[in-house]
C-alpha cells in the first residue's frame, strides 16, 4: 500500500517537480504557524499569562486560525508523506510524530468537550488546574511534533 502511494503519479510529479515539493513544504509550515501559533498563545493564556484577556473571547479570535492551519497541514502533510512513504513509515521520528498528533487531538478534544464549556464562569484570570494541565500538555506535544517533523529530514 505504501509503495503504491509512493509510486503514484501525484507523488512522482511532486518528487520530479522543481517547485512543487518546496511549495508544499511552505504551505505545511504556514499551516504549522497558524495551528501552533494560535494554540500556543491560547495555552499561555490558560497558564496565567495575559489575565486581562477573557478566555472565551481569546478562543473566538485565535482558535479559528488554528483550525485554518489544520486545513493547510493535513493535505500538504499527506502529499509530502506520499513522496517518501516507505522510508518515512520506517522512521521512529515519524511514529513519535504521529503519536504526538493523536495525543494532541485527544488533548484538544478533551479540553473542548469537558473543560472549555465552563470557561465563561471562570473568574477573570482564574483558570482551573485541569485547563492548565491541558495547556501544558498541548505545548509539550506540539513542540515534540514539530521537532520530530524536522528530524525526519536527517
C-alpha atoms as a PDB file:
ATOM      1  CA  UNK A   1       0.000   0.000   0.000  1.00  0.00           C
ATOM      2  CA  UNK A   2       2.744   2.477   0.955  1.00  0.00           C
ATOM      3  CA  UNK A   3       4.770   1.513  -2.093  1.00  0.00           C
ATOM      4  CA  UNK A   4       1.715   2.148  -4.277  1.00  0.00           C
ATOM      5  CA  UNK A   5       1.220   5.561  -2.670  1.00  0.00           C
ATOM      6  CA  UNK A   6       4.854   6.426  -3.228  1.00  0.00           C
ATOM      7  CA  UNK A   7       4.718   5.245  -6.846  1.00  0.00           C
ATOM      8  CA  UNK A   8       1.517   7.140  -7.629  1.00  0.00           C
ATOM      9  CA  UNK A   9       1.557   9.683 -10.424  1.00  0.00           C
ATOM     10  CA  UNK A  10       0.951  12.532  -7.994  1.00  0.00           C
ATOM     11  CA  UNK A  11       3.824  11.536  -5.673  1.00  0.00           C
ATOM     12  CA  UNK A  12       6.124  11.124  -8.672  1.00  0.00           C
ATOM     13  CA  UNK A  13       5.114  14.520 -10.022  1.00  0.00           C
ATOM     14  CA  UNK A  14       5.823  16.164  -6.672  1.00  0.00           C
ATOM     15  CA  UNK A  15       9.247  14.489  -6.441  1.00  0.00           C
ATOM     16  CA  UNK A  16      10.189  15.392 -10.002  1.00  0.00           C
ATOM     17  CA  UNK A  17       8.999  18.981  -9.879  1.00  0.00           C
ATOM     18  CA  UNK A  18      11.499  21.710  -9.120  1.00  0.00           C
ATOM     19  CA  UNK A  19       8.971  23.848  -7.286  1.00  0.00           C
ATOM     20  CA  UNK A  20       6.101  21.620  -6.118  1.00  0.00           C
ATOM     21  CA  UNK A  21       7.796  19.906  -3.147  1.00  0.00           C
ATOM     22  CA  UNK A  22       9.201  23.199  -1.761  1.00  0.00           C
ATOM     23  CA  UNK A  23       5.800  24.858  -2.278  1.00  0.00           C
ATOM     24  CA  UNK A  24       4.125  22.071  -0.296  1.00  0.00           C
ATOM     25  CA  UNK A  25       6.701  22.474   2.470  1.00  0.00           C
ATOM     26  CA  UNK A  26       5.946  26.203   2.623  1.00  0.00           C
ATOM     27  CA  UNK A  27       2.206  25.538   2.833  1.00  0.00           C
ATOM     28  CA  UNK A  28       2.847  22.928   5.545  1.00  0.00           C
ATOM     29  CA  UNK A  29       4.991  25.342   7.566  1.00  0.00           C
ATOM     30  CA  UNK A  30       2.425  28.149   7.207  1.00  0.00           C
ATOM     31  CA  UNK A  31      -0.206  25.730   8.488  1.00  0.00           C
ATOM     32  CA  UNK A  32       2.021  24.879  11.458  1.00  0.00           C
ATOM     33  CA  UNK A  33       2.455  28.570  12.213  1.00  0.00           C
ATOM     34  CA  UNK A  34      -1.317  29.095  12.208  1.00  0.00           C
ATOM     35  CA  UNK A  35      -2.175  25.976  14.190  1.00  0.00           C
ATOM     36  CA  UNK A  36       0.592  26.014  16.762  1.00  0.00           C
ATOM     37  CA  UNK A  37       0.878  29.800  16.968  1.00  0.00           C
ATOM     38  CA  UNK A  38      -2.768  30.205  17.865  1.00  0.00           C
ATOM     39  CA  UNK A  39      -2.746  27.190  20.178  1.00  0.00           C
ATOM     40  CA  UNK A  40       0.422  28.353  21.934  1.00  0.00           C
ATOM     41  CA  UNK A  41      -0.951  31.828  22.600  1.00  0.00           C
ATOM     42  CA  UNK A  42      -4.197  30.332  23.874  1.00  0.00           C
ATOM     43  CA  UNK A  43      -2.284  27.827  26.029  1.00  0.00           C
ATOM     44  CA  UNK A  44      -0.182  30.613  27.525  1.00  0.00           C
ATOM     45  CA  UNK A  45      -3.389  32.417  28.487  1.00  0.00           C
ATOM     46  CA  UNK A  46      -4.674  29.263  30.165  1.00  0.00           C
ATOM     47  CA  UNK A  47      -1.385  29.044  32.077  1.00  0.00           C
ATOM     48  CA  UNK A  48      -1.974  32.502  33.523  1.00  0.00           C
ATOM     49  CA  UNK A  49      -0.384  34.954  31.108  1.00  0.00           C
ATOM     50  CA  UNK A  50      -2.384  37.975  29.889  1.00  0.00           C
ATOM     51  CA  UNK A  51      -5.039  37.528  32.563  1.00  0.00           C
ATOM     52  CA  UNK A  52      -6.774  40.676  31.367  1.00  0.00           C
ATOM     53  CA  UNK A  53      -7.922  38.790  28.248  1.00  0.00           C
ATOM     54  CA  UNK A  54     -11.118  36.774  28.517  1.00  0.00           C
ATOM     55  CA  UNK A  55     -10.571  33.086  27.722  1.00  0.00           C
ATOM     56  CA  UNK A  56     -13.786  32.750  25.657  1.00  0.00           C
ATOM     57  CA  UNK A  57     -13.037  35.920  23.660  1.00  0.00           C
ATOM     58  CA  UNK A  58      -9.465  34.854  23.020  1.00  0.00           C
ATOM     59  CA  UNK A  59     -10.717  31.421  21.917  1.00  0.00           C
ATOM     60  CA  UNK A  60     -13.143  33.031  19.466  1.00  0.00           C
ATOM     61  CA  UNK A  61     -10.269  35.023  17.993  1.00  0.00           C
ATOM     62  CA  UNK A  62      -7.383  32.513  17.959  1.00  0.00           C
ATOM     63  CA  UNK A  63      -8.874  29.061  17.575  1.00  0.00           C
ATOM     64  CA  UNK A  64     -10.446  29.622  14.132  1.00  0.00           C
ATOM     65  CA  UNK A  65      -6.944  30.482  12.903  1.00  0.00           C
ATOM     66  CA  UNK A  66      -5.638  27.245  14.380  1.00  0.00           C
ATOM     67  CA  UNK A  67      -8.408  25.366  12.583  1.00  0.00           C
ATOM     68  CA  UNK A  68      -7.439  27.048   9.311  1.00  0.00           C
ATOM     69  CA  UNK A  69      -3.890  25.875   9.921  1.00  0.00           C
ATOM     70  CA  UNK A  70      -5.182  22.301  10.009  1.00  0.00           C
ATOM     71  CA  UNK A  71      -6.771  22.855   6.600  1.00  0.00           C
ATOM     72  CA  UNK A  72      -3.274  23.563   5.269  1.00  0.00           C
ATOM     73  CA  UNK A  73      -1.340  20.989   7.304  1.00  0.00           C
ATOM     74  CA  UNK A  74      -3.401  17.882   6.588  1.00  0.00           C
ATOM     75  CA  UNK A  75      -3.419  17.872   2.774  1.00  0.00           C
ATOM     76  CA  UNK A  76       0.136  19.191   2.463  1.00  0.00           C
ATOM     77  CA  UNK A  77       1.387  16.654   5.019  1.00  0.00           C
ATOM     78  CA  UNK A  78      -0.276  13.774   3.193  1.00  0.00           C
ATOM     79  CA  UNK A  79       1.202  14.909  -0.107  1.00  0.00           C
ATOM     80  CA  UNK A  80       4.675  15.329   1.394  1.00  0.00           C
ATOM     81  CA  UNK A  81       4.405  11.892   3.021  1.00  0.00           C
ATOM     82  CA  UNK A  82       3.366  10.313  -0.271  1.00  0.00           C
ATOM     83  CA  UNK A  83       6.684  11.223  -1.883  1.00  0.00           C
ATOM     84  CA  UNK A  84       8.682   9.049   0.524  1.00  0.00           C
ATOM     85  CA  UNK A  85       6.069   6.916   2.295  1.00  0.00           C
ATOM     86  CA  UNK A  86       8.060   3.698   2.640  1.00  0.00           C
ATOM     87  CA  UNK A  87      11.140   5.243   4.254  1.00  0.00           C
ATOM     88  CA  UNK A  88       9.138   7.624   6.444  1.00  0.00           C
ATOM     89  CA  UNK A  89       6.889   4.866   7.758  1.00  0.00           C
ATOM     90  CA  UNK A  90      10.006   3.031   8.998  1.00  0.00           C
ATOM     91  CA  UNK A  91      11.413   6.094  10.803  1.00  0.00           C
ATOM     92  CA  UNK A  92      10.916   6.206  14.584  1.00  0.00           C
ATOM     93  CA  UNK A  93      10.599  10.017  14.485  1.00  0.00           C
ATOM     94  CA  UNK A  94       7.628   9.603  12.153  1.00  0.00           C
ATOM     95  CA  UNK A  95       5.968   7.204  14.600  1.00  0.00           C
ATOM     96  CA  UNK A  96       6.572   9.584  17.506  1.00  0.00           C
ATOM     97  CA  UNK A  97       5.179  12.449  15.424  1.00  0.00           C
ATOM     98  CA  UNK A  98       2.010  10.504  14.592  1.00  0.00           C
ATOM     99  CA  UNK A  99       1.539   9.509  18.236  1.00  0.00           C
ATOM    100  CA  UNK A 100       2.033  13.162  19.186  1.00  0.00           C
ATOM    101  CA  UNK A 101      -0.600  14.234  16.666  1.00  0.00           C
ATOM    102  CA  UNK A 102      -3.068  11.739  18.109  1.00  0.00           C
ATOM    103  CA  UNK A 103      -2.309  12.840  21.690  1.00  0.00           C
ATOM    104  CA  UNK A 104      -2.636  16.498  20.637  1.00  0.00           C
ATOM    105  CA  UNK A 105      -6.002  15.813  19.026  1.00  0.00           C
ATOM    106  CA  UNK A 106      -7.283  13.914  22.054  1.00  0.00           C
ATOM    107  CA  UNK A 107      -5.990  16.639  24.364  1.00  0.00           C
ATOM    108  CA  UNK A 108      -7.796  19.340  22.357  1.00  0.00           C
ATOM    109  CA  UNK A 109     -10.942  17.219  22.213  1.00  0.00           C
ATOM    110  CA  UNK A 110     -10.947  16.690  25.987  1.00  0.00           C
ATOM    111  CA  UNK A 111     -10.458  20.396  26.553  1.00  0.00           C
ATOM    112  CA  UNK A 112     -13.262  21.482  24.241  1.00  0.00           C
ATOM    113  CA  UNK A 113     -15.663  18.718  25.267  1.00  0.00           C
ATOM    114  CA  UNK A 114     -15.250  18.775  29.038  1.00  0.00           C
ATOM    115  CA  UNK A 115     -13.307  21.798  30.283  1.00  0.00           C
ATOM    116  CA  UNK A 116     -13.922  24.779  27.997  1.00  0.00           C
ATOM    117  CA  UNK A 117     -17.710  24.697  28.410  1.00  0.00           C
ATOM    118  CA  UNK A 118     -17.296  26.226  31.888  1.00  0.00           C
ATOM    119  CA  UNK A 119     -14.912  28.978  30.712  1.00  0.00           C
ATOM    120  CA  UNK A 120     -17.475  31.827  30.866  1.00  0.00           C
ATOM    121  CA  UNK A 121     -17.935  31.034  34.560  1.00  0.00           C
ATOM    122  CA  UNK A 122     -14.225  31.159  35.386  1.00  0.00           C
ATOM    123  CA  UNK A 123     -13.306  34.176  37.420  1.00  0.00           C
ATOM    124  CA  UNK A 124     -11.215  36.629  35.434  1.00  0.00           C
ATOM    125  CA  UNK A 125      -7.680  35.271  35.383  1.00  0.00           C
ATOM    126  CA  UNK A 126      -8.525  32.203  37.496  1.00  0.00           C
ATOM    127  CA  UNK A 127      -8.067  29.191  35.237  1.00  0.00           C
ATOM    128  CA  UNK A 128      -8.830  25.722  36.681  1.00  0.00           C
ATOM    129  CA  UNK A 129      -5.983  23.247  37.112  1.00  0.00           C
ATOM    130  CA  UNK A 130      -7.471  20.909  34.514  1.00  0.00           C
ATOM    131  CA  UNK A 131      -7.279  23.674  31.886  1.00  0.00           C
ATOM    132  CA  UNK A 132      -3.685  24.420  32.873  1.00  0.00           C
ATOM    133  CA  UNK A 133      -2.777  20.735  32.593  1.00  0.00           C
ATOM    134  CA  UNK A 134      -4.307  20.564  29.110  1.00  0.00           C
ATOM    135  CA  UNK A 135      -2.428  23.728  28.098  1.00  0.00           C
ATOM    136  CA  UNK A 136       0.886  22.373  29.336  1.00  0.00           C
ATOM    137  CA  UNK A 137       0.262  19.066  27.557  1.00  0.00           C
ATOM    138  CA  UNK A 138      -0.582  20.975  24.372  1.00  0.00           C
ATOM    139  CA  UNK A 139       2.655  22.967  24.440  1.00  0.00           C
ATOM    140  CA  UNK A 140       4.798  19.879  25.070  1.00  0.00           C
ATOM    141  CA  UNK A 141       3.027  17.823  22.402  1.00  0.00           C
ATOM    142  CA  UNK A 142       3.223  20.480  19.675  1.00  0.00           C
ATOM    143  CA  UNK A 143       6.913  21.143  20.346  1.00  0.00           C
ATOM    144  CA  UNK A 144       7.504  17.377  20.155  1.00  0.00           C
ATOM    145  CA  UNK A 145       5.538  17.059  16.902  1.00  0.00           C
ATOM    146  CA  UNK A 146       7.432  19.948  15.297  1.00  0.00           C
ATOM    147  CA  UNK A 147      10.808  18.608  16.469  1.00  0.00           C
ATOM    148  CA  UNK A 148      10.061  15.107  15.156  1.00  0.00           C
ATOM    149  CA  UNK A 149       8.841  16.508  11.855  1.00  0.00           C
ATOM    150  CA  UNK A 150      12.034  18.456  11.484  1.00  0.00           C
ATOM    151  CA  UNK A 151      14.197  15.480  12.496  1.00  0.00           C
ATOM    152  CA  UNK A 152      12.649  13.408   9.698  1.00  0.00           C
ATOM    153  CA  UNK A 153      14.859  15.314   7.282  1.00  0.00           C
ATOM    154  CA  UNK A 154      18.030  13.921   8.870  1.00  0.00           C
END
